[in-house]
mmCIF file of all heavy atoms, coordinates in Angstrom:
data_MODEL
# 
_entry.id   MODEL 
# 
loop_
_atom_site.group_PDB 
_atom_site.id 
_atom_site.type_symbol 
_atom_site.label_atom_id 
_atom_site.label_alt_id 
_atom_site.label_comp_id 
_atom_site.label_asym_id 
_atom_site.label_entity_id 
_atom_site.label_seq_id 
_atom_site.pdbx_PDB_ins_code 
_atom_site.Cartn_x 
_atom_site.Cartn_y 
_atom_site.Cartn_z 
_atom_site.occupancy 
_atom_site.B_iso_or_equiv 
_atom_site.pdbx_formal_charge 
_atom_site.auth_seq_id 
_atom_site.auth_comp_id 
_atom_site.auth_asym_id 
_atom_site.auth_atom_id 
_atom_site.pdbx_PDB_model_num 
ATOM 1   N N   . LEU A 1 1  ? 0.850   -1.178  0.000  1.00 0.00 ? 1  LEU A N   1 
ATOM 2   C CA  . LEU A 1 1  ? 0.000   0.000   0.000  1.00 0.00 ? 1  LEU A CA  1 
ATOM 3   C C   . LEU A 1 1  ? 0.891   1.235   0.000  1.00 0.00 ? 1  LEU A C   1 
ATOM 4   O O   . LEU A 1 1  ? 1.788   1.354   0.842  1.00 0.00 ? 1  LEU A O   1 
ATOM 5   C CB  . LEU A 1 1  ? -0.901  -0.003  1.232  1.00 0.00 ? 1  LEU A CB  1 
ATOM 6   C CG  . LEU A 1 1  ? -1.790  -1.242  1.396  1.00 0.00 ? 1  LEU A CG  1 
ATOM 7   C CD1 . LEU A 1 1  ? -2.384  -1.292  2.790  1.00 0.00 ? 1  LEU A CD1 1 
ATOM 8   C CD2 . LEU A 1 1  ? -2.882  -1.252  0.352  1.00 0.00 ? 1  LEU A CD2 1 
ATOM 9   N N   . VAL A 1 2  ? 0.626   2.152   -0.926 1.00 0.00 ? 2  VAL A N   1 
ATOM 10  C CA  . VAL A 1 2  ? 1.427   3.360   -1.026 1.00 0.00 ? 2  VAL A CA  1 
ATOM 11  C C   . VAL A 1 2  ? 0.499   4.565   -1.005 1.00 0.00 ? 2  VAL A C   1 
ATOM 12  O O   . VAL A 1 2  ? -0.271  4.788   -1.960 1.00 0.00 ? 2  VAL A O   1 
ATOM 13  C CB  . VAL A 1 2  ? 2.288   3.367   -2.297 1.00 0.00 ? 2  VAL A CB  1 
ATOM 14  C CG1 . VAL A 1 2  ? 3.101   4.657   -2.364 1.00 0.00 ? 2  VAL A CG1 1 
ATOM 15  C CG2 . VAL A 1 2  ? 3.207   2.153   -2.338 1.00 0.00 ? 2  VAL A CG2 1 
ATOM 16  N N   . GLU A 1 3  ? 0.578   5.333   0.074  1.00 0.00 ? 3  GLU A N   1 
ATOM 17  C CA  . GLU A 1 3  ? -0.255  6.514   0.249  1.00 0.00 ? 3  GLU A CA  1 
ATOM 18  C C   . GLU A 1 3  ? 0.503   7.764   -0.186 1.00 0.00 ? 3  GLU A C   1 
ATOM 19  O O   . GLU A 1 3  ? 1.733   7.831   -0.057 1.00 0.00 ? 3  GLU A O   1 
ATOM 20  C CB  . GLU A 1 3  ? -0.673  6.669   1.723  1.00 0.00 ? 3  GLU A CB  1 
ATOM 21  C CG  . GLU A 1 3  ? -1.437  5.497   2.288  1.00 0.00 ? 3  GLU A CG  1 
ATOM 22  C CD  . GLU A 1 3  ? -0.558  4.448   2.973  1.00 0.00 ? 3  GLU A CD  1 
ATOM 23  O OE1 . GLU A 1 3  ? 0.690   4.500   2.814  1.00 0.00 ? 3  GLU A OE1 1 
ATOM 24  O OE2 . GLU A 1 3  ? -1.112  3.577   3.670  1.00 0.00 ? 3  GLU A OE2 1 
ATOM 25  N N   . SER A 1 4  ? -0.240  8.750   -0.666 1.00 0.00 ? 4  SER A N   1 
ATOM 26  C CA  . SER A 1 4  ? 0.365   10.015  -1.064 1.00 0.00 ? 4  SER A CA  1 
ATOM 27  C C   . SER A 1 4  ? -0.673  11.124  -0.985 1.00 0.00 ? 4  SER A C   1 
ATOM 28  O O   . SER A 1 4  ? -1.870  10.860  -0.856 1.00 0.00 ? 4  SER A O   1 
ATOM 29  C CB  . SER A 1 4  ? 0.926   9.921   -2.484 1.00 0.00 ? 4  SER A CB  1 
ATOM 30  O OG  . SER A 1 4  ? -0.110  9.664   -3.409 1.00 0.00 ? 4  SER A OG  1 
ATOM 31  N N   . GLY A 1 5  ? -0.186  12.374  -1.068 1.00 0.00 ? 5  GLY A N   1 
ATOM 32  C CA  . GLY A 1 5  ? -1.082  13.515  -1.141 1.00 0.00 ? 5  GLY A CA  1 
ATOM 33  C C   . GLY A 1 5  ? -1.160  14.363  0.106  1.00 0.00 ? 5  GLY A C   1 
ATOM 34  O O   . GLY A 1 5  ? -1.835  15.394  0.113  1.00 0.00 ? 5  GLY A O   1 
ATOM 35  N N   . GLY A 1 6  ? -0.487  13.965  1.168  1.00 0.00 ? 6  GLY A N   1 
ATOM 36  C CA  . GLY A 1 6  ? -0.543  14.744  2.395  1.00 0.00 ? 6  GLY A CA  1 
ATOM 37  C C   . GLY A 1 6  ? 0.240   16.034  2.285  1.00 0.00 ? 6  GLY A C   1 
ATOM 38  O O   . GLY A 1 6  ? 0.901   16.308  1.274  1.00 0.00 ? 6  GLY A O   1 
ATOM 39  N N   . GLY A 1 7  ? 0.171   16.831  3.331  1.00 0.00 ? 7  GLY A N   1 
ATOM 40  C CA  . GLY A 1 7  ? 0.900   18.090  3.345  1.00 0.00 ? 7  GLY A CA  1 
ATOM 41  C C   . GLY A 1 7  ? 0.409   18.996  4.443  1.00 0.00 ? 7  GLY A C   1 
ATOM 42  O O   . GLY A 1 7  ? -0.351  18.589  5.325  1.00 0.00 ? 7  GLY A O   1 
ATOM 43  N N   . LEU A 1 8  ? 0.829   20.244  4.363  1.00 0.00 ? 8  LEU A N   1 
ATOM 44  C CA  . LEU A 1 8  ? 0.437   21.277  5.323  1.00 0.00 ? 8  LEU A CA  1 
ATOM 45  C C   . LEU A 1 8  ? -0.686  22.109  4.712  1.00 0.00 ? 8  LEU A C   1 
ATOM 46  O O   . LEU A 1 8  ? -0.560  22.589  3.576  1.00 0.00 ? 8  LEU A O   1 
ATOM 47  C CB  . LEU A 1 8  ? 1.630   22.163  5.662  1.00 0.00 ? 8  LEU A CB  1 
ATOM 48  C CG  . LEU A 1 8  ? 1.354   23.398  6.523  1.00 0.00 ? 8  LEU A CG  1 
ATOM 49  C CD1 . LEU A 1 8  ? 0.852   22.997  7.901  1.00 0.00 ? 8  LEU A CD1 1 
ATOM 50  C CD2 . LEU A 1 8  ? 2.612   24.251  6.622  1.00 0.00 ? 8  LEU A CD2 1 
ATOM 51  N N   . VAL A 1 9  ? -1.753  22.291  5.454  1.00 0.00 ? 9  VAL A N   1 
ATOM 52  C CA  . VAL A 1 9  ? -2.895  23.060  4.957  1.00 0.00 ? 9  VAL A CA  1 
ATOM 53  C C   . VAL A 1 9  ? -3.458  23.893  6.100  1.00 0.00 ? 9  VAL A C   1 
ATOM 54  O O   . VAL A 1 9  ? -3.375  23.499  7.266  1.00 0.00 ? 9  VAL A O   1 
ATOM 55  C CB  . VAL A 1 9  ? -3.967  22.119  4.355  1.00 0.00 ? 9  VAL A CB  1 
ATOM 56  C CG1 . VAL A 1 9  ? -4.520  21.178  5.411  1.00 0.00 ? 9  VAL A CG1 1 
ATOM 57  C CG2 . VAL A 1 9  ? -5.071  22.888  3.669  1.00 0.00 ? 9  VAL A CG2 1 
ATOM 58  N N   . GLN A 1 10 ? -3.998  25.036  5.765  1.00 0.00 ? 10 GLN A N   1 
ATOM 59  C CA  . GLN A 1 10 ? -4.598  25.904  6.772  1.00 0.00 ? 10 GLN A CA  1 
ATOM 60  C C   . GLN A 1 10 ? -5.982  25.382  7.175  1.00 0.00 ? 10 GLN A C   1 
ATOM 61  O O   . GLN A 1 10 ? -6.643  24.691  6.386  1.00 0.00 ? 10 GLN A O   1 
ATOM 62  C CB  . GLN A 1 10 ? -4.718  27.323  6.241  1.00 0.00 ? 10 GLN A CB  1 
ATOM 63  C CG  . GLN A 1 10 ? -3.390  28.012  6.041  1.00 0.00 ? 10 GLN A CG  1 
ATOM 64  C CD  . GLN A 1 10 ? -3.546  29.479  5.673  1.00 0.00 ? 10 GLN A CD  1 
ATOM 65  O OE1 . GLN A 1 10 ? -4.610  29.904  5.225  1.00 0.00 ? 10 GLN A OE1 1 
ATOM 66  N NE2 . GLN A 1 10 ? -2.497  30.239  5.883  1.00 0.00 ? 10 GLN A NE2 1 
ATOM 67  N N   . PRO A 1 11 ? -6.424  25.694  8.381  1.00 0.00 ? 11 PRO A N   1 
ATOM 68  C CA  . PRO A 1 11 ? -7.792  25.319  8.774  1.00 0.00 ? 11 PRO A CA  1 
ATOM 69  C C   . PRO A 1 11 ? -8.806  25.825  7.753  1.00 0.00 ? 11 PRO A C   1 
ATOM 70  O O   . PRO A 1 11 ? -8.711  26.951  7.261  1.00 0.00 ? 11 PRO A O   1 
ATOM 71  C CB  . PRO A 1 11 ? -7.960  26.012  10.124 1.00 0.00 ? 11 PRO A CB  1 
ATOM 72  C CG  . PRO A 1 11 ? -6.569  26.118  10.670 1.00 0.00 ? 11 PRO A CG  1 
ATOM 73  C CD  . PRO A 1 11 ? -5.694  26.363  9.480  1.00 0.00 ? 11 PRO A CD  1 
ATOM 74  N N   . GLY A 1 12 ? -9.754  24.967  7.438  1.00 0.00 ? 12 GLY A N   1 
ATOM 75  C CA  . GLY A 1 12 ? -10.750 25.280  6.424  1.00 0.00 ? 12 GLY A CA  1 
ATOM 76  C C   . GLY A 1 12 ? -10.356 24.856  5.027  1.00 0.00 ? 12 GLY A C   1 
ATOM 77  O O   . GLY A 1 12 ? -11.178 24.897  4.105  1.00 0.00 ? 12 GLY A O   1 
ATOM 78  N N   . GLY A 1 13 ? -9.114  24.450  4.850  1.00 0.00 ? 13 GLY A N   1 
ATOM 79  C CA  . GLY A 1 13 ? -8.622  24.047  3.545  1.00 0.00 ? 13 GLY A CA  1 
ATOM 80  C C   . GLY A 1 13 ? -8.985  22.621  3.183  1.00 0.00 ? 13 GLY A C   1 
ATOM 81  O O   . GLY A 1 13 ? -9.690  21.929  3.928  1.00 0.00 ? 13 GLY A O   1 
ATOM 82  N N   . SER A 1 14 ? -8.473  22.202  2.036  1.00 0.00 ? 14 SER A N   1 
ATOM 83  C CA  . SER A 1 14 ? -8.788  20.866  1.499  1.00 0.00 ? 14 SER A CA  1 
ATOM 84  C C   . SER A 1 14 ? -7.528  20.151  1.050  1.00 0.00 ? 14 SER A C   1 
ATOM 85  O O   . SER A 1 14 ? -6.534  20.788  0.693  1.00 0.00 ? 14 SER A O   1 
ATOM 86  C CB  . SER A 1 14 ? -9.737  20.992  0.302  1.00 0.00 ? 14 SER A CB  1 
ATOM 87  O OG  . SER A 1 14 ? -10.953 21.585  0.664  1.00 0.00 ? 14 SER A OG  1 
ATOM 88  N N   . LEU A 1 15 ? -7.604  18.838  1.068  1.00 0.00 ? 15 LEU A N   1 
ATOM 89  C CA  . LEU A 1 15 ? -6.543  17.982  0.540  1.00 0.00 ? 15 LEU A CA  1 
ATOM 90  C C   . LEU A 1 15 ? -7.176  16.741  -0.054 1.00 0.00 ? 15 LEU A C   1 
ATOM 91  O O   . LEU A 1 15 ? -8.256  16.320  0.393  1.00 0.00 ? 15 LEU A O   1 
ATOM 92  C CB  . LEU A 1 15 ? -5.563  17.550  1.641  1.00 0.00 ? 15 LEU A CB  1 
ATOM 93  C CG  . LEU A 1 15 ? -4.436  18.480  2.058  1.00 0.00 ? 15 LEU A CG  1 
ATOM 94  C CD1 . LEU A 1 15 ? -3.677  17.865  3.225  1.00 0.00 ? 15 LEU A CD1 1 
ATOM 95  C CD2 . LEU A 1 15 ? -3.508  18.786  0.905  1.00 0.00 ? 15 LEU A CD2 1 
ATOM 96  N N   . SER A 1 16 ? -6.476  16.156  -1.011 1.00 0.00 ? 16 SER A N   1 
ATOM 97  C CA  . SER A 1 16 ? -6.913  14.881  -1.574 1.00 0.00 ? 16 SER A CA  1 
ATOM 98  C C   . SER A 1 16 ? -5.790  13.870  -1.428 1.00 0.00 ? 16 SER A C   1 
ATOM 99  O O   . SER A 1 16 ? -4.666  14.126  -1.858 1.00 0.00 ? 16 SER A O   1 
ATOM 100 C CB  . SER A 1 16 ? -7.281  15.047  -3.041 1.00 0.00 ? 16 SER A CB  1 
ATOM 101 O OG  . SER A 1 16 ? -8.461  15.809  -3.194 1.00 0.00 ? 16 SER A OG  1 
ATOM 102 N N   . LEU A 1 17 ? -6.104  12.745  -0.828 1.00 0.00 ? 17 LEU A N   1 
ATOM 103 C CA  . LEU A 1 17 ? -5.149  11.670  -0.628 1.00 0.00 ? 17 LEU A CA  1 
ATOM 104 C C   . LEU A 1 17 ? -5.426  10.540  -1.618 1.00 0.00 ? 17 LEU A C   1 
ATOM 105 O O   . LEU A 1 17 ? -6.568  10.321  -2.029 1.00 0.00 ? 17 LEU A O   1 
ATOM 106 C CB  . LEU A 1 17 ? -5.248  11.123  0.789  1.00 0.00 ? 17 LEU A CB  1 
ATOM 107 C CG  . LEU A 1 17 ? -5.165  12.123  1.935  1.00 0.00 ? 17 LEU A CG  1 
ATOM 108 C CD1 . LEU A 1 17 ? -5.216  11.393  3.281  1.00 0.00 ? 17 LEU A CD1 1 
ATOM 109 C CD2 . LEU A 1 17 ? -3.917  12.978  1.832  1.00 0.00 ? 17 LEU A CD2 1 
ATOM 110 N N   . SER A 1 18 ? -4.357  9.826   -1.969 1.00 0.00 ? 18 SER A N   1 
ATOM 111 C CA  . SER A 1 18 ? -4.480  8.666   -2.848 1.00 0.00 ? 18 SER A CA  1 
ATOM 112 C C   . SER A 1 18 ? -3.741  7.492   -2.232 1.00 0.00 ? 18 SER A C   1 
ATOM 113 O O   . SER A 1 18 ? -2.759  7.671   -1.502 1.00 0.00 ? 18 SER A O   1 
ATOM 114 C CB  . SER A 1 18 ? -3.879  8.960   -4.223 1.00 0.00 ? 18 SER A CB  1 
ATOM 115 O OG  . SER A 1 18 ? -4.523  10.033  -4.854 1.00 0.00 ? 18 SER A OG  1 
ATOM 116 N N   . CYS A 1 19 ? -4.202  6.304   -2.552 1.00 0.00 ? 19 CYS A N   1 
ATOM 117 C CA  . CYS A 1 19 ? -3.535  5.088   -2.100 1.00 0.00 ? 19 CYS A CA  1 
ATOM 118 C C   . CYS A 1 19 ? -3.618  4.058   -3.209 1.00 0.00 ? 19 CYS A C   1 
ATOM 119 O O   . CYS A 1 19 ? -4.719  3.711   -3.649 1.00 0.00 ? 19 CYS A O   1 
ATOM 120 C CB  . CYS A 1 19 ? -4.183  4.555   -0.828 1.00 0.00 ? 19 CYS A CB  1 
ATOM 121 S SG  . CYS A 1 19 ? -3.643  2.892   -0.366 1.00 0.00 ? 19 CYS A SG  1 
ATOM 122 N N   . VAL A 1 20 ? -2.453  3.579   -3.628 1.00 0.00 ? 20 VAL A N   1 
ATOM 123 C CA  . VAL A 1 20 ? -2.389  2.538   -4.642 1.00 0.00 ? 20 VAL A CA  1 
ATOM 124 C C   . VAL A 1 20 ? -2.080  1.210   -3.954 1.00 0.00 ? 20 VAL A C   1 
ATOM 125 O O   . VAL A 1 20 ? -1.130  1.120   -3.163 1.00 0.00 ? 20 VAL A O   1 
ATOM 126 C CB  . VAL A 1 20 ? -1.314  2.845   -5.697 1.00 0.00 ? 20 VAL A CB  1 
ATOM 127 C CG1 . VAL A 1 20 ? -1.252  1.730   -6.722 1.00 0.00 ? 20 VAL A CG1 1 
ATOM 128 C CG2 . VAL A 1 20 ? -1.594  4.183   -6.377 1.00 0.00 ? 20 VAL A CG2 1 
ATOM 129 N N   . ALA A 1 21 ? -2.870  0.208   -4.259 1.00 0.00 ? 21 ALA A N   1 
ATOM 130 C CA  . ALA A 1 21 ? -2.689  -1.119  -3.678 1.00 0.00 ? 21 ALA A CA  1 
ATOM 131 C C   . ALA A 1 21 ? -2.204  -2.087  -4.747 1.00 0.00 ? 21 ALA A C   1 
ATOM 132 O O   . ALA A 1 21 ? -2.717  -2.096  -5.866 1.00 0.00 ? 21 ALA A O   1 
ATOM 133 C CB  . ALA A 1 21 ? -3.997  -1.613  -3.087 1.00 0.00 ? 21 ALA A CB  1 
ATOM 134 N N   . SER A 1 22 ? -1.230  -2.895  -4.401 1.00 0.00 ? 22 SER A N   1 
ATOM 135 C CA  . SER A 1 22 ? -0.751  -3.924  -5.314 1.00 0.00 ? 22 SER A CA  1 
ATOM 136 C C   . SER A 1 22 ? -0.686  -5.256  -4.561 1.00 0.00 ? 22 SER A C   1 
ATOM 137 O O   . SER A 1 22 ? -0.609  -5.283  -3.339 1.00 0.00 ? 22 SER A O   1 
ATOM 138 C CB  . SER A 1 22 ? 0.623   -3.571  -5.884 1.00 0.00 ? 22 SER A CB  1 
ATOM 139 O OG  . SER A 1 22 ? 1.568   -3.434  -4.842 1.00 0.00 ? 22 SER A OG  1 
ATOM 140 N N   . GLY A 1 23 ? -0.735  -6.337  -5.326 1.00 0.00 ? 23 GLY A N   1 
ATOM 141 C CA  . GLY A 1 23 ? -0.619  -7.648  -4.717 1.00 0.00 ? 23 GLY A CA  1 
ATOM 142 C C   . GLY A 1 23 ? -1.909  -8.204  -4.168 1.00 0.00 ? 23 GLY A C   1 
ATOM 143 O O   . GLY A 1 23 ? -1.904  -9.166  -3.399 1.00 0.00 ? 23 GLY A O   1 
ATOM 144 N N   . THR A 1 24 ? -3.028  -7.609  -4.554 1.00 0.00 ? 24 THR A N   1 
ATOM 145 C CA  . THR A 1 24 ? -4.309  -8.104  -4.094 1.00 0.00 ? 24 THR A CA  1 
ATOM 146 C C   . THR A 1 24 ? -5.343  -7.888  -5.187 1.00 0.00 ? 24 THR A C   1 
ATOM 147 O O   . THR A 1 24 ? -5.145  -7.061  -6.072 1.00 0.00 ? 24 THR A O   1 
ATOM 148 C CB  . THR A 1 24 ? -4.764  -7.396  -2.813 1.00 0.00 ? 24 THR A CB  1 
ATOM 149 O OG1 . THR A 1 24 ? -6.019  -7.962  -2.384 1.00 0.00 ? 24 THR A OG1 1 
ATOM 150 C CG2 . THR A 1 24 ? -4.975  -5.903  -3.046 1.00 0.00 ? 24 THR A CG2 1 
ATOM 151 N N   . PHE A 1 25 ? -6.437  -8.657  -5.104 1.00 0.00 ? 25 PHE A N   1 
ATOM 152 C CA  . PHE A 1 25 ? -7.530  -8.441  -6.046 1.00 0.00 ? 25 PHE A CA  1 
ATOM 153 C C   . PHE A 1 25 ? -8.347  -7.252  -5.542 1.00 0.00 ? 25 PHE A C   1 
ATOM 154 O O   . PHE A 1 25 ? -9.376  -7.404  -4.896 1.00 0.00 ? 25 PHE A O   1 
ATOM 155 C CB  . PHE A 1 25 ? -8.375  -9.700  -6.154 1.00 0.00 ? 25 PHE A CB  1 
ATOM 156 C CG  . PHE A 1 25 ? -7.635  -10.846 -6.796 1.00 0.00 ? 25 PHE A CG  1 
ATOM 157 C CD1 . PHE A 1 25 ? -7.206  -11.923 -6.035 1.00 0.00 ? 25 PHE A CD1 1 
ATOM 158 C CD2 . PHE A 1 25 ? -7.361  -10.846 -8.154 1.00 0.00 ? 25 PHE A CD2 1 
ATOM 159 C CE1 . PHE A 1 25 ? -6.522  -12.979 -6.616 1.00 0.00 ? 25 PHE A CE1 1 
ATOM 160 C CE2 . PHE A 1 25 ? -6.680  -11.887 -8.745 1.00 0.00 ? 25 PHE A CE2 1 
ATOM 161 C CZ  . PHE A 1 25 ? -6.251  -12.968 -7.979 1.00 0.00 ? 25 PHE A CZ  1 
ATOM 162 N N   . PHE A 1 26 ? -7.876  -6.073  -5.884 1.00 0.00 ? 26 PHE A N   1 
ATOM 163 C CA  . PHE A 1 26 ? -8.398  -4.834  -5.325 1.00 0.00 ? 26 PHE A CA  1 
ATOM 164 C C   . PHE A 1 26 ? -9.896  -4.715  -5.514 1.00 0.00 ? 26 PHE A C   1 
ATOM 165 O O   . PHE A 1 26 ? -10.618 -4.299  -4.606 1.00 0.00 ? 26 PHE A O   1 
ATOM 166 C CB  . PHE A 1 26 ? -7.676  -3.652  -5.986 1.00 0.00 ? 26 PHE A CB  1 
ATOM 167 C CG  . PHE A 1 26 ? -8.106  -2.305  -5.486 1.00 0.00 ? 26 PHE A CG  1 
ATOM 168 C CD1 . PHE A 1 26 ? -7.563  -1.766  -4.339 1.00 0.00 ? 26 PHE A CD1 1 
ATOM 169 C CD2 . PHE A 1 26 ? -9.053  -1.561  -6.180 1.00 0.00 ? 26 PHE A CD2 1 
ATOM 170 C CE1 . PHE A 1 26 ? -7.945  -0.516  -3.874 1.00 0.00 ? 26 PHE A CE1 1 
ATOM 171 C CE2 . PHE A 1 26 ? -9.454  -0.315  -5.731 1.00 0.00 ? 26 PHE A CE2 1 
ATOM 172 C CZ  . PHE A 1 26 ? -8.892  0.203   -4.577 1.00 0.00 ? 26 PHE A CZ  1 
ATOM 173 N N   . ALA A 1 27 ? -10.380 -5.080  -6.684 1.00 0.00 ? 27 ALA A N   1 
ATOM 174 C CA  . ALA A 1 27 ? -11.782 -4.836  -7.021 1.00 0.00 ? 27 ALA A CA  1 
ATOM 175 C C   . ALA A 1 27 ? -12.740 -5.624  -6.139 1.00 0.00 ? 27 ALA A C   1 
ATOM 176 O O   . ALA A 1 27 ? -13.918 -5.278  -6.053 1.00 0.00 ? 27 ALA A O   1 
ATOM 177 C CB  . ALA A 1 27 ? -12.027 -5.171  -8.487 1.00 0.00 ? 27 ALA A CB  1 
ATOM 178 N N   . ILE A 1 28 ? -12.279 -6.683  -5.489 1.00 0.00 ? 28 ILE A N   1 
ATOM 179 C CA  . ILE A 1 28 ? -13.184 -7.498  -4.686 1.00 0.00 ? 28 ILE A CA  1 
ATOM 180 C C   . ILE A 1 28 ? -12.971 -7.291  -3.197 1.00 0.00 ? 28 ILE A C   1 
ATOM 181 O O   . ILE A 1 28 ? -13.427 -8.070  -2.377 1.00 0.00 ? 28 ILE A O   1 
ATOM 182 C CB  . ILE A 1 28 ? -13.051 -9.001  -5.025 1.00 0.00 ? 28 ILE A CB  1 
ATOM 183 C CG1 . ILE A 1 28 ? -11.648 -9.520  -4.702 1.00 0.00 ? 28 ILE A CG1 1 
ATOM 184 C CG2 . ILE A 1 28 ? -13.408 -9.243  -6.489 1.00 0.00 ? 28 ILE A CG2 1 
ATOM 185 C CD1 . ILE A 1 28 ? -11.546 -11.037 -4.813 1.00 0.00 ? 28 ILE A CD1 1 
ATOM 186 N N   . ARG A 1 29 ? -12.263 -6.224  -2.833 1.00 0.00 ? 29 ARG A N   1 
ATOM 187 C CA  . ARG A 1 29 ? -12.005 -5.950  -1.423 1.00 0.00 ? 29 ARG A CA  1 
ATOM 188 C C   . ARG A 1 29 ? -12.558 -4.586  -1.039 1.00 0.00 ? 29 ARG A C   1 
ATOM 189 O O   . ARG A 1 29 ? -12.413 -3.600  -1.766 1.00 0.00 ? 29 ARG A O   1 
ATOM 190 C CB  . ARG A 1 29 ? -10.500 -5.986  -1.134 1.00 0.00 ? 29 ARG A CB  1 
ATOM 191 C CG  . ARG A 1 29 ? -9.829  -7.322  -1.412 1.00 0.00 ? 29 ARG A CG  1 
ATOM 192 C CD  . ARG A 1 29 ? -10.471 -8.465  -0.618 1.00 0.00 ? 29 ARG A CD  1 
ATOM 193 N NE  . ARG A 1 29 ? -10.473 -8.232  0.812  1.00 0.00 ? 29 ARG A NE  1 
ATOM 194 C CZ  . ARG A 1 29 ? -9.512  -8.648  1.623  1.00 0.00 ? 29 ARG A CZ  1 
ATOM 195 N NH1 . ARG A 1 29 ? -8.480  -9.308  1.153  1.00 0.00 ? 29 ARG A NH1 1 
ATOM 196 N NH2 . ARG A 1 29 ? -9.601  -8.418  2.919  1.00 0.00 ? 29 ARG A NH2 1 
# 
């Protein structure tokens, strides 16, 4: 599992995180 997208943001702000999974049948989990 590899997560990305974090950072520093001010209160009220927005962020989008992503996670790529390998080695598993992702679609059925």
